[in-house]
Structure formats: structure tokens, C-alpha cells
Amino acid sequence: MTQILFVYVTAGDVAEAERIGEAVVDERLAACANVLDGMRSIFRWQGSVQKGSEAILILKTREDLFDALRDRIVELHSYELPCVVALPVATGHLPFLDWIAGETGPTEIV
């Protein structure tokens, strides 16, 4: 079975998360994008502790598409150093995992 990944991305706001999510789903780099608003972040950046509001973007994809997905997110993202990390899915509802695999990558011509 194809290894499925959840890709965790932070974005500056909901509009940016939706824009990135829509692009990568349309390009079949991800099968689904979930946007969660209202995250508060505390992080160290350029020598000082920062605070800010962000949105979370969770993408479902295949492992073999991660490099292309990551590169596209970085291209579309407003941050100098965007958070783009992949978490492997150990198990799940197999029809759902099959759906992710089937909705990503090149389309088959019949």
C-alpha cells in the first residue's frame, strides 16, 4: 500500500491557508486540505521570542508526492521559512486511505 502522509503547514491567516490548499488540491499534490483558524503561536525568530496568530493547514497526500508538494507550498507561501512537515499515517480506514491515493498524482487517461 502507498504510504499516506498528513502534512502540517502553518500560514499567516485563513486566506493564505485556503489559497495554498486550493492550489495543491487542484494540482493533485494533495487529496484534501483542512484549514483551522485561530491558532496562537509563540516562537523564537531572529533572536527574540515572537507571538502571532496563524492558521493551520493539514494536507493529505502520498509520500512519493511530498517533495513536489513541499516545493509548491514554499513557492506559494508568504513566510521566509514556512513550517511544512510530514507525519506518516500508521493506519486508518482503508477506503479513506485508498481515496487519498487515488485523488493525488497524475490523472489516468482511459
PDB file of N, CA and C in Angstrom:
ATOM      1  N   MET A   1       0.837  -1.193   0.000  1.00  0.00           N
ATOM      2  CA  MET A   1       0.000   0.000   0.000  1.00  0.00           C
ATOM      3  C   MET A   1       0.873   1.245   0.000  1.00  0.00           C
ATOM      4  N   THR A   2       0.430   2.244  -0.674  1.00  0.00           N
ATOM      5  CA  THR A   2       1.113   3.528  -0.739  1.00  0.00           C
ATOM      6  C   THR A   2       1.143   4.171   0.640  1.00  0.00           C
ATOM      7  N   GLN A   3       2.291   4.716   1.033  1.00  0.00           N
ATOM      8  CA  GLN A   3       2.394   5.423   2.320  1.00  0.00           C
ATOM      9  C   GLN A   3       1.649   6.755   2.218  1.00  0.00           C
ATOM     10  N   ILE A   4       0.714   6.968   3.124  1.00  0.00           N
ATOM     11  CA  ILE A   4      -0.057   8.204   3.185  1.00  0.00           C
ATOM     12  C   ILE A   4       0.563   9.109   4.242  1.00  0.00           C
ATOM     13  N   LEU A   5       0.585  10.411   3.953  1.00  0.00           N
ATOM     14  CA  LEU A   5       1.120  11.414   4.869  1.00  0.00           C
ATOM     15  C   LEU A   5       0.063  12.456   5.181  1.00  0.00           C
ATOM     16  N   PHE A   6       0.109  12.957   6.410  1.00  0.00           N
ATOM     17  CA  PHE A   6      -0.561  14.203   6.754  1.00  0.00           C
ATOM     18  C   PHE A   6       0.540  15.253   6.789  1.00  0.00           C
ATOM     19  N   VAL A   7       0.340  16.342   6.079  1.00  0.00           N
ATOM     20  CA  VAL A   7       1.340  17.404   6.016  1.00  0.00           C
ATOM     21  C   VAL A   7       0.799  18.607   6.781  1.00  0.00           C
ATOM     22  N   TYR A   8       1.553  19.005   7.793  1.00  0.00           N
ATOM     23  CA  TYR A   8       1.180  20.107   8.685  1.00  0.00           C
ATOM     24  C   TYR A   8       1.889  21.376   8.203  1.00  0.00           C
ATOM     25  N   VAL A   9       1.102  22.427   7.981  1.00  0.00           N
ATOM     26  CA  VAL A   9       1.624  23.699   7.490  1.00  0.00           C
ATOM     27  C   VAL A   9       0.998  24.809   8.325  1.00  0.00           C
ATOM     28  N   THR A  10       1.791  25.805   8.693  1.00  0.00           N
ATOM     29  CA  THR A  10       1.214  26.996   9.314  1.00  0.00           C
ATOM     30  C   THR A  10       1.210  28.115   8.273  1.00  0.00           C
ATOM     31  N   ALA A  11       0.188  28.955   8.360  1.00  0.00           N
ATOM     32  CA  ALA A  11       0.032  30.064   7.417  1.00  0.00           C
ATOM     33  C   ALA A  11      -0.292  31.334   8.187  1.00  0.00           C
ATOM     34  N   GLY A  12      -0.052  32.460   7.564  1.00  0.00           N
ATOM     35  CA  GLY A  12      -0.256  33.751   8.203  1.00  0.00           C
ATOM     36  C   GLY A  12      -1.701  34.038   8.557  1.00  0.00           C
ATOM     37  N   ASP A  13      -2.626  33.501   7.760  1.00  0.00           N
ATOM     38  CA  ASP A  13      -4.051  33.690   8.025  1.00  0.00           C
ATOM     39  C   ASP A  13      -4.849  32.672   7.226  1.00  0.00           C
ATOM     40  N   VAL A  14      -6.144  32.670   7.429  1.00  0.00           N
ATOM     41  CA  VAL A  14      -7.023  31.713   6.764  1.00  0.00           C
ATOM     42  C   VAL A  14      -6.975  31.876   5.252  1.00  0.00           C
ATOM     43  N   ALA A  15      -6.943  33.106   4.778  1.00  0.00           N
ATOM     44  CA  ALA A  15      -6.937  33.335   3.334  1.00  0.00           C
ATOM     45  C   ALA A  15      -5.714  32.692   2.688  1.00  0.00           C
ATOM     46  N   GLU A  16      -4.554  32.831   3.322  1.00  0.00           N
ATOM     47  CA  GLU A  16      -3.350  32.221   2.765  1.00  0.00           C
ATOM     48  C   GLU A  16      -3.445  30.695   2.811  1.00  0.00           C
ATOM     49  N   ALA A  17      -3.915  30.138   3.924  1.00  0.00           N
ATOM     50  CA  ALA A  17      -4.060  28.691   4.039  1.00  0.00           C
ATOM     51  C   ALA A  17      -5.024  28.164   2.981  1.00  0.00           C
ATOM     52  N   GLU A  18      -6.138  28.857   2.765  1.00  0.00           N
ATOM     53  CA  GLU A  18      -7.106  28.426   1.755  1.00  0.00           C
ATOM     54  C   GLU A  18      -6.517  28.528   0.349  1.00  0.00           C
ATOM     55  N   ARG A  19      -5.783  29.581   0.078  1.00  0.00           N
ATOM     56  CA  ARG A  19      -5.169  29.768  -1.248  1.00  0.00           C
ATOM     57  C   ARG A  19      -4.182  28.643  -1.543  1.00  0.00           C
ATOM     58  N   ILE A  20      -3.333  28.324  -0.575  1.00  0.00           N
ATOM     59  CA  ILE A  20      -2.366  27.240  -0.752  1.00  0.00           C
ATOM     60  C   ILE A  20      -3.090  25.901  -0.867  1.00  0.00           C
ATOM     61  N   GLY A  21      -4.050  25.668   0.026  1.00  0.00           N
ATOM     62  CA  GLY A  21      -4.795  24.415  -0.003  1.00  0.00           C
ATOM     63  C   GLY A  21      -5.513  24.192  -1.316  1.00  0.00           C
ATOM     64  N   GLU A  22      -6.176  25.217  -1.806  1.00  0.00           N
ATOM     65  CA  GLU A  22      -6.899  25.082  -3.073  1.00  0.00           C
ATOM     66  C   GLU A  22      -5.940  24.790  -4.220  1.00  0.00           C
ATOM     67  N   ALA A  23      -4.801  25.455  -4.242  1.00  0.00           N
ATOM     68  CA  ALA A  23      -3.832  25.243  -5.326  1.00  0.00           C
ATOM     69  C   ALA A  23      -3.311  23.818  -5.339  1.00  0.00           C
ATOM     70  N   VAL A  24      -2.900  23.305  -4.174  1.00  0.00           N
ATOM     71  CA  VAL A  24      -2.282  21.970  -4.163  1.00  0.00           C
ATOM     72  C   VAL A  24      -3.306  20.856  -4.369  1.00  0.00           C
ATOM     73  N   VAL A  25      -4.554  21.069  -3.961  1.00  0.00           N
ATOM     74  CA  VAL A  25      -5.595  20.080  -4.252  1.00  0.00           C
ATOM     75  C   VAL A  25      -5.922  20.116  -5.746  1.00  0.00           C
ATOM     76  N   ASP A  26      -6.045  21.301  -6.309  1.00  0.00           N
ATOM     77  CA  ASP A  26      -6.319  21.436  -7.737  1.00  0.00           C
ATOM     78  C   ASP A  26      -5.216  20.792  -8.576  1.00  0.00           C
ATOM     79  N   GLU A  27      -3.979  20.905  -8.117  1.00  0.00           N
ATOM     80  CA  GLU A  27      -2.829  20.339  -8.835  1.00  0.00           C
ATOM     81  C   GLU A  27      -2.599  18.861  -8.508  1.00  0.00           C
ATOM     82  N   ARG A  28      -3.480  18.262  -7.698  1.00  0.00           N
ATOM     83  CA  ARG A  28      -3.449  16.847  -7.313  1.00  0.00           C
ATOM     84  C   ARG A  28      -2.204  16.476  -6.507  1.00  0.00           C
ATOM     85  N   LEU A  29      -1.596  17.470  -5.849  1.00  0.00           N
ATOM     86  CA  LEU A  29      -0.488  17.196  -4.941  1.00  0.00           C
ATOM     87  C   LEU A  29      -1.015  16.762  -3.575  1.00  0.00           C
ATOM     88  N   ALA A  30      -2.267  17.069  -3.291  1.00  0.00           N
ATOM     89  CA  ALA A  30      -2.951  16.652  -2.072  1.00  0.00           C
ATOM     90  C   ALA A  30      -4.390  16.312  -2.439  1.00  0.00           C
ATOM     91  N   ALA A  31      -4.969  15.370  -1.707  1.00  0.00           N
ATOM     92  CA  ALA A  31      -6.360  14.989  -1.944  1.00  0.00           C
ATOM     93  C   ALA A  31      -7.328  15.889  -1.185  1.00  0.00           C
ATOM     94  N   CYS A  32      -6.847  16.472  -0.090  1.00  0.00           N
ATOM     95  CA  CYS A  32      -7.724  17.215   0.808  1.00  0.00           C
ATOM     96  C   CYS A  32      -6.904  18.242   1.571  1.00  0.00           C
ATOM     97  N   ALA A  33      -7.524  19.359   1.875  1.00  0.00           N
ATOM     98  CA  ALA A  33      -6.895  20.390   2.700  1.00  0.00           C
ATOM     99  C   ALA A  33      -7.875  20.791   3.795  1.00  0.00           C
ATOM    100  N   ASN A  34      -7.431  20.718   5.036  1.00  0.00           N
ATOM    101  CA  ASN A  34      -8.223  21.190   6.167  1.00  0.00           C
ATOM    102  C   ASN A  34      -7.603  22.479   6.678  1.00  0.00           C
ATOM    103  N   VAL A  35      -8.415  23.505   6.856  1.00  0.00           N
ATOM    104  CA  VAL A  35      -7.948  24.799   7.351  1.00  0.00           C
ATOM    105  C   VAL A  35      -8.557  25.034   8.726  1.00  0.00           C
ATOM    106  N   LEU A  36      -7.691  25.279   9.693  1.00  0.00           N
ATOM    107  CA  LEU A  36      -8.116  25.556  11.061  1.00  0.00           C
ATOM    108  C   LEU A  36      -7.671  26.967  11.425  1.00  0.00           C
ATOM    109  N   ASP A  37      -8.600  27.778  11.842  1.00  0.00           N
ATOM    110  CA  ASP A  37      -8.312  29.172  12.176  1.00  0.00           C
ATOM    111  C   ASP A  37      -8.075  29.317  13.679  1.00  0.00           C
ATOM    112  N   GLY A  38      -7.464  30.420  14.058  1.00  0.00           N
ATOM    113  CA  GLY A  38      -7.399  30.806  15.453  1.00  0.00           C
ATOM    114  C   GLY A  38      -6.236  30.252  16.244  1.00  0.00           C
ATOM    115  N   MET A  39      -5.195  29.791  15.591  1.00  0.00           N
ATOM    116  CA  MET A  39      -4.036  29.291  16.330  1.00  0.00           C
ATOM    117  C   MET A  39      -3.185  30.469  16.790  1.00  0.00           C
ATOM    118  N   ARG A  40      -2.736  30.403  18.024  1.00  0.00           N
ATOM    119  CA  ARG A  40      -1.788  31.389  18.560  1.00  0.00           C
ATOM    120  C   ARG A  40      -0.431  30.716  18.631  1.00  0.00           C
ATOM    121  N   SER A  41       0.571  31.361  18.095  1.00  0.00           N
ATOM    122  CA  SER A  41       1.919  30.794  18.061  1.00  0.00           C
ATOM    123  C   SER A  41       2.872  31.639  18.892  1.00  0.00           C
ATOM    124  N   ILE A  42       3.763  30.960  19.587  1.00  0.00           N
ATOM    125  CA  ILE A  42       4.866  31.590  20.323  1.00  0.00           C
ATOM    126  C   ILE A  42       6.125  30.910  19.810  1.00  0.00           C
ATOM    127  N   PHE A  43       7.049  31.688  19.270  1.00  0.00           N
ATOM    128  CA  PHE A  43       8.211  31.088  18.623  1.00  0.00           C
ATOM    129  C   PHE A  43       9.417  32.026  18.699  1.00  0.00           C
ATOM    130  N   ARG A  44      10.565  31.445  18.574  1.00  0.00           N
ATOM    131  CA  ARG A  44      11.796  32.223  18.531  1.00  0.00           C
ATOM    132  C   ARG A  44      12.120  32.507  17.067  1.00  0.00           C
ATOM    133  N   TRP A  45      12.340  33.780  16.736  1.00  0.00           N
ATOM    134  CA  TRP A  45      12.657  34.166  15.365  1.00  0.00           C
ATOM    135  C   TRP A  45      13.627  35.333  15.391  1.00  0.00           C
ATOM    136  N   GLN A  46      14.739  35.155  14.722  1.00  0.00           N
ATOM    137  CA  GLN A  46      15.762  36.187  14.589  1.00  0.00           C
ATOM    138  C   GLN A  46      16.167  36.765  15.945  1.00  0.00           C
ATOM    139  N   GLY A  47      16.386  35.863  16.903  1.00  0.00           N
ATOM    140  CA  GLY A  47      16.941  36.240  18.190  1.00  0.00           C
ATOM    141  C   GLY A  47      15.975  36.700  19.258  1.00  0.00           C
ATOM    142  N   SER A  48      14.686  36.703  18.960  1.00  0.00           N
ATOM    143  CA  SER A  48      13.742  37.111  20.000  1.00  0.00           C
ATOM    144  C   SER A  48      12.482  36.258  19.950  1.00  0.00           C
ATOM    145  N   VAL A  49      11.777  36.252  21.068  1.00  0.00           N
ATOM    146  CA  VAL A  49      10.530  35.497  21.147  1.00  0.00           C
ATOM    147  C   VAL A  49       9.418  36.334  20.527  1.00  0.00           C
ATOM    148  N   GLN A  50       8.683  35.714  19.630  1.00  0.00           N
ATOM    149  CA  GLN A  50       7.593  36.366  18.910  1.00  0.00           C
ATOM    150  C   GLN A  50       6.272  35.692  19.260  1.00  0.00           C
ATOM    151  N   LYS A  51       5.184  36.409  19.080  1.00  0.00           N
ATOM    152  CA  LYS A  51       3.836  35.866  19.227  1.00  0.00           C
ATOM    153  C   LYS A  51       3.030  36.300  18.018  1.00  0.00           C
ATOM    154  N   GLY A  52       2.104  35.448  17.611  1.00  0.00           N
ATOM    155  CA  GLY A  52       1.263  35.827  16.491  1.00  0.00           C
ATOM    156  C   GLY A  52       0.106  34.878  16.294  1.00  0.00           C
ATOM    157  N   SER A  53      -0.826  35.315  15.476  1.00  0.00           N
ATOM    158  CA  SER A  53      -1.966  34.488  15.083  1.00  0.00           C
ATOM    159  C   SER A  53      -1.643  33.832  13.752  1.00  0.00           C
ATOM    160  N   GLU A  54      -2.026  32.583  13.622  1.00  0.00           N
ATOM    161  CA  GLU A  54      -1.807  31.859  12.380  1.00  0.00           C
ATOM    162  C   GLU A  54      -3.011  30.964  12.111  1.00  0.00           C
ATOM    163  N   ALA A  55      -3.010  30.362  10.951  1.00  0.00           N
ATOM    164  CA  ALA A  55      -3.972  29.321  10.597  1.00  0.00           C
ATOM    165  C   ALA A  55      -3.185  28.047  10.342  1.00  0.00           C
ATOM    166  N   ILE A  56      -3.808  26.924  10.591  1.00  0.00           N
ATOM    167  CA  ILE A  56      -3.193  25.624  10.349  1.00  0.00           C
ATOM    168  C   ILE A  56      -3.782  25.041   9.062  1.00  0.00           C
ATOM    169  N   LEU A  57      -2.919  24.466   8.264  1.00  0.00           N
ATOM    170  CA  LEU A  57      -3.327  23.774   7.051  1.00  0.00           C
ATOM    171  C   LEU A  57      -2.837  22.334   7.176  1.00  0.00           C
ATOM    172  N   ILE A  58      -3.764  21.380   7.107  1.00  0.00           N
ATOM    173  CA  ILE A  58      -3.409  19.971   7.143  1.00  0.00           C
ATOM    174  C   ILE A  58      -3.777  19.375   5.788  1.00  0.00           C
ATOM    175  N   LEU A  59      -2.784  18.807   5.130  1.00  0.00           N
ATOM    176  CA  LEU A  59      -2.964  18.241   3.800  1.00  0.00           C
ATOM    177  C   LEU A  59      -2.804  16.736   3.855  1.00  0.00           C
ATOM    178  N   LYS A  60      -3.582  16.008   3.055  1.00  0.00           N
ATOM    179  CA  LYS A  60      -3.464  14.553   2.959  1.00  0.00           C
ATOM    180  C   LYS A  60      -2.896  14.219   1.589  1.00  0.00           C
ATOM    181  N   THR A  61      -1.796  13.447   1.577  1.00  0.00           N
ATOM    182  CA  THR A  61      -1.122  13.147   0.323  1.00  0.00           C
ATOM    183  C   THR A  61      -0.397  11.816   0.403  1.00  0.00           C
ATOM    184  N   ARG A  62       0.286  11.474  -0.669  1.00  0.00           N
ATOM    185  CA  ARG A  62       1.127  10.283  -0.730  1.00  0.00           C
ATOM    186  C   ARG A  62       2.580  10.675  -0.494  1.00  0.00           C
ATOM    187  N   GLU A  63       3.336   9.758   0.076  1.00  0.00           N
ATOM    188  CA  GLU A  63       4.743  10.019   0.371  1.00  0.00           C
ATOM    189  C   GLU A  63       5.541  10.375  -0.887  1.00  0.00           C
ATOM    190  N   ASP A  64       5.259   9.724  -1.999  1.00  0.00           N
ATOM    191  CA  ASP A  64       6.019   9.986  -3.218  1.00  0.00           C
ATOM    192  C   ASP A  64       5.763  11.379  -3.797  1.00  0.00           C
ATOM    193  N   LEU A  65       4.746  12.064  -3.328  1.00  0.00           N
ATOM    194  CA  LEU A  65       4.440  13.423  -3.792  1.00  0.00           C
ATOM    195  C   LEU A  65       4.946  14.506  -2.846  1.00  0.00           C
ATOM    196  N   PHE A  66       5.527  14.103  -1.703  1.00  0.00           N
ATOM    197  CA  PHE A  66       5.871  15.097  -0.686  1.00  0.00           C
ATOM    198  C   PHE A  66       6.841  16.159  -1.195  1.00  0.00           C
ATOM    199  N   ASP A  67       7.899  15.782  -1.878  1.00  0.00           N
ATOM    200  CA  ASP A  67       8.885  16.774  -2.324  1.00  0.00           C
ATOM    201  C   ASP A  67       8.250  17.826  -3.224  1.00  0.00           C
ATOM    202  N   ALA A  68       7.424  17.382  -4.172  1.00  0.00           N
ATOM    203  CA  ALA A  68       6.750  18.331  -5.066  1.00  0.00           C
ATOM    204  C   ALA A  68       5.755  19.193  -4.298  1.00  0.00           C
ATOM    205  N   LEU A  69       5.037  18.584  -3.347  1.00  0.00           N
ATOM    206  CA  LEU A  69       4.080  19.332  -2.525  1.00  0.00           C
ATOM    207  C   LEU A  69       4.807  20.378  -1.693  1.00  0.00           C
ATOM    208  N   ARG A  70       5.873  19.969  -1.012  1.00  0.00           N
ATOM    209  CA  ARG A  70       6.643  20.904  -0.187  1.00  0.00           C
ATOM    210  C   ARG A  70       7.153  22.076  -1.029  1.00  0.00           C
ATOM    211  N   ASP A  71       7.716  21.782  -2.181  1.00  0.00           N
ATOM    212  CA  ASP A  71       8.256  22.842  -3.039  1.00  0.00           C
ATOM    213  C   ASP A  71       7.164  23.811  -3.479  1.00  0.00           C
ATOM    214  N   ARG A  72       5.985  23.288  -3.784  1.00  0.00           N
ATOM    215  CA  ARG A  72       4.873  24.150  -4.215  1.00  0.00           C
ATOM    216  C   ARG A  72       4.382  25.012  -3.066  1.00  0.00           C
ATOM    217  N   ILE A  73       4.287  24.445  -1.871  1.00  0.00           N
ATOM    218  CA  ILE A  73       3.874  25.229  -0.705  1.00  0.00           C
ATOM    219  C   ILE A  73       4.864  26.364  -0.469  1.00  0.00           C
ATOM    220  N   VAL A  74       6.143  26.060  -0.486  1.00  0.00           N
ATOM    221  CA  VAL A  74       7.177  27.088  -0.264  1.00  0.00           C
ATOM    222  C   VAL A  74       7.059  28.186  -1.322  1.00  0.00           C
ATOM    223  N   GLU A  75       6.795  27.794  -2.554  1.00  0.00           N
ATOM    224  CA  GLU A  75       6.641  28.767  -3.646  1.00  0.00           C
ATOM    225  C   GLU A  75       5.452  29.702  -3.415  1.00  0.00           C
ATOM    226  N   LEU A  76       4.355  29.157  -2.898  1.00  0.00           N
ATOM    227  CA  LEU A  76       3.123  29.931  -2.708  1.00  0.00           C
ATOM    228  C   LEU A  76       3.078  30.704  -1.390  1.00  0.00           C
ATOM    229  N   HIS A  77       3.923  30.341  -0.438  1.00  0.00           N
ATOM    230  CA  HIS A  77       3.836  30.833   0.934  1.00  0.00           C
ATOM    231  C   HIS A  77       4.453  32.220   1.086  1.00  0.00           C
ATOM    232  N   SER A  78       3.893  32.992   2.009  1.00  0.00           N
ATOM    233  CA  SER A  78       4.417  34.344   2.264  1.00  0.00           C
ATOM    234  C   SER A  78       5.590  34.353   3.241  1.00  0.00           C
ATOM    235  N   TYR A  79       5.758  33.290   4.017  1.00  0.00           N
ATOM    236  CA  TYR A  79       6.825  33.268   5.024  1.00  0.00           C
ATOM    237  C   TYR A  79       8.183  33.019   4.388  1.00  0.00           C
ATOM    238  N   GLU A  80       9.194  33.606   4.984  1.00  0.00           N
ATOM    239  CA  GLU A  80      10.574  33.345   4.577  1.00  0.00           C
ATOM    240  C   GLU A  80      10.951  31.893   4.866  1.00  0.00           C
ATOM    241  N   LEU A  81      10.438  31.343   5.959  1.00  0.00           N
ATOM    242  CA  LEU A  81      10.773  29.984   6.397  1.00  0.00           C
ATOM    243  C   LEU A  81       9.482  29.277   6.847  1.00  0.00           C
ATOM    244  N   PRO A  82       8.670  28.821   5.887  1.00  0.00           N
ATOM    245  CA  PRO A  82       7.397  28.200   6.286  1.00  0.00           C
ATOM    246  C   PRO A  82       7.580  26.837   6.945  1.00  0.00           C
ATOM    247  N   CYS A  83       6.696  26.542   7.875  1.00  0.00           N
ATOM    248  CA  CYS A  83       6.634  25.223   8.506  1.00  0.00           C
ATOM    249  C   CYS A  83       5.891  24.288   7.555  1.00  0.00           C
ATOM    250  N   VAL A  84       6.588  23.276   7.075  1.00  0.00           N
ATOM    251  CA  VAL A  84       5.993  22.243   6.224  1.00  0.00           C
ATOM    252  C   VAL A  84       6.599  20.925   6.695  1.00  0.00           C
ATOM    253  N   VAL A  85       5.837  20.149   7.454  1.00  0.00           N
ATOM    254  CA  VAL A  85       6.348  18.882   7.976  1.00  0.00           C
ATOM    255  C   VAL A  85       5.353  17.767   7.688  1.00  0.00           C
ATOM    256  N   ALA A  86       5.882  16.584   7.441  1.00  0.00           N
ATOM    257  CA  ALA A  86       5.040  15.441   7.105  1.00  0.00           C
ATOM    258  C   ALA A  86       5.015  14.439   8.250  1.00  0.00           C
ATOM    259  N   LEU A  87       3.834  13.919   8.505  1.00  0.00           N
ATOM    260  CA  LEU A  87       3.629  12.897   9.522  1.00  0.00           C
ATOM    261  C   LEU A  87       3.062  11.667   8.833  1.00  0.00           C
ATOM    262  N   PRO A  88       3.713  10.508   8.964  1.00  0.00           N
ATOM    263  CA  PRO A  88       3.191   9.311   8.316  1.00  0.00           C
ATOM    264  C   PRO A  88       1.923   8.815   9.016  1.00  0.00           C
ATOM    265  N   VAL A  89       0.996   8.325   8.231  1.00  0.00           N
ATOM    266  CA  VAL A  89      -0.226   7.735   8.762  1.00  0.00           C
ATOM    267  C   VAL A  89       0.054   6.248   8.962  1.00  0.00           C
ATOM    268  N   ALA A  90       0.026   5.797  10.204  1.00  0.00           N
ATOM    269  CA  ALA A  90       0.359   4.407  10.521  1.00  0.00           C
ATOM    270  C   ALA A  90      -0.742   3.448  10.072  1.00  0.00           C
ATOM    271  N   THR A  91      -1.969   3.853  10.242  1.00  0.00           N
ATOM    272  CA  THR A  91      -3.099   3.016   9.852  1.00  0.00           C
ATOM    273  C   THR A  91      -4.343   3.890   9.802  1.00  0.00           C
ATOM    274  N   GLY A  92      -5.426   3.343   9.323  1.00  0.00           N
ATOM    275  CA  GLY A  92      -6.660   4.114   9.246  1.00  0.00           C
ATOM    276  C   GLY A  92      -7.731   3.330   8.512  1.00  0.00           C
ATOM    277  N   HIS A  93      -8.810   4.013   8.218  1.00  0.00           N
ATOM    278  CA  HIS A  93      -9.922   3.428   7.461  1.00  0.00           C
ATOM    279  C   HIS A  93      -9.435   3.234   6.028  1.00  0.00           C
ATOM    280  N   LEU A  94      -9.221   2.003   5.624  1.00  0.00           N
ATOM    281  CA  LEU A  94      -8.577   1.715   4.339  1.00  0.00           C
ATOM    282  C   LEU A  94      -9.270   2.352   3.133  1.00  0.00           C
ATOM    283  N   PRO A  95     -10.600   2.372   3.055  1.00  0.00           N
ATOM    284  CA  PRO A  95     -11.224   3.052   1.912  1.00  0.00           C
ATOM    285  C   PRO A  95     -10.862   4.546   1.855  1.00  0.00           C
ATOM    286  N   PHE A  96     -10.735   5.183   3.013  1.00  0.00           N
ATOM    287  CA  PHE A  96     -10.334   6.592   3.036  1.00  0.00           C
ATOM    288  C   PHE A  96      -8.893   6.752   2.569  1.00  0.00           C
ATOM    289  N   LEU A  97      -8.002   5.899   3.046  1.00  0.00           N
ATOM    290  CA  LEU A  97      -6.599   5.967   2.623  1.00  0.00           C
ATOM    291  C   LEU A  97      -6.470   5.686   1.131  1.00  0.00           C
ATOM    292  N   ASP A  98      -7.258   4.754   0.618  1.00  0.00           N
ATOM    293  CA  ASP A  98      -7.268   4.483  -0.821  1.00  0.00           C
ATOM    294  C   ASP A  98      -7.767   5.690  -1.602  1.00  0.00           C
ATOM    295  N   TRP A  99      -8.748   6.396  -1.043  1.00  0.00           N
ATOM    296  CA  TRP A  99      -9.262   7.604  -1.695  1.00  0.00           C
ATOM    297  C   TRP A  99      -8.159   8.643  -1.820  1.00  0.00           C
ATOM    298  N   ILE A 100      -7.379   8.850  -0.757  1.00  0.00           N
ATOM    299  CA  ILE A 100      -6.267   9.806  -0.819  1.00  0.00           C
ATOM    300  C   ILE A 100      -5.310   9.412  -1.939  1.00  0.00           C
ATOM    301  N   ALA A 101      -4.936   8.140  -1.973  1.00  0.00           N
ATOM    302  CA  ALA A 101      -4.007   7.668  -3.006  1.00  0.00           C
ATOM    303  C   ALA A 101      -4.578   7.893  -4.404  1.00  0.00           C
ATOM    304  N   GLY A 102      -5.874   7.666  -4.561  1.00  0.00           N
ATOM    305  CA  GLY A 102      -6.495   7.791  -5.871  1.00  0.00           C
ATOM    306  C   GLY A 102      -6.720   9.211  -6.340  1.00  0.00           C
ATOM    307  N   GLU A 103      -6.811  10.154  -5.412  1.00  0.00           N
ATOM    308  CA  GLU A 103      -7.089  11.550  -5.768  1.00  0.00           C
ATOM    309  C   GLU A 103      -5.830  12.396  -5.903  1.00  0.00           C
ATOM    310  N   THR A 104      -4.681  11.780  -5.798  1.00  0.00           N
ATOM    311  CA  THR A 104      -3.419  12.501  -5.903  1.00  0.00           C
ATOM    312  C   THR A 104      -2.601  11.957  -7.060  1.00  0.00           C
ATOM    313  N   GLY A 105      -1.699  12.775  -7.533  1.00  0.00           N
ATOM    314  CA  GLY A 105      -0.830  12.359  -8.621  1.00  0.00           C
ATOM    315  C   GLY A 105      -1.502  12.573  -9.977  1.00  0.00           C
ATOM    316  N   PRO A 106      -0.846  12.105 -11.019  1.00  0.00           N
ATOM    317  CA  PRO A 106      -1.387  12.319 -12.370  1.00  0.00           C
ATOM    318  C   PRO A 106      -2.702  11.581 -12.551  1.00  0.00           C
ATOM    319  N   THR A 107      -3.575  12.175 -13.342  1.00  0.00           N
ATOM    320  CA  THR A 107      -4.832  11.505 -13.652  1.00  0.00           C
ATOM    321  C   THR A 107      -4.582  10.460 -14.731  1.00  0.00           C
ATOM    322  N   GLU A 108      -5.331   9.393 -14.659  1.00  0.00           N
ATOM    323  CA  GLU A 108      -5.188   8.336 -15.663  1.00  0.00           C
ATOM    324  C   GLU A 108      -6.094   8.647 -16.845  1.00  0.00           C
ATOM    325  N   ILE A 109      -5.581   8.451 -18.034  1.00  0.00           N
ATOM    326  CA  ILE A 109      -6.376   8.654 -19.245  1.00  0.00           C
ATOM    327  C   ILE A 109      -6.885   7.298 -19.683  1.00  0.00           C
ATOM    328  N   VAL A 110      -8.217   7.189 -19.815  1.00  0.00           N
ATOM    329  CA  VAL A 110      -8.828   5.913 -20.182  1.00  0.00           C
ATOM    330  C   VAL A 110      -9.146   5.900 -21.657  1.00  0.00           C
TER     331      VAL A 110
END
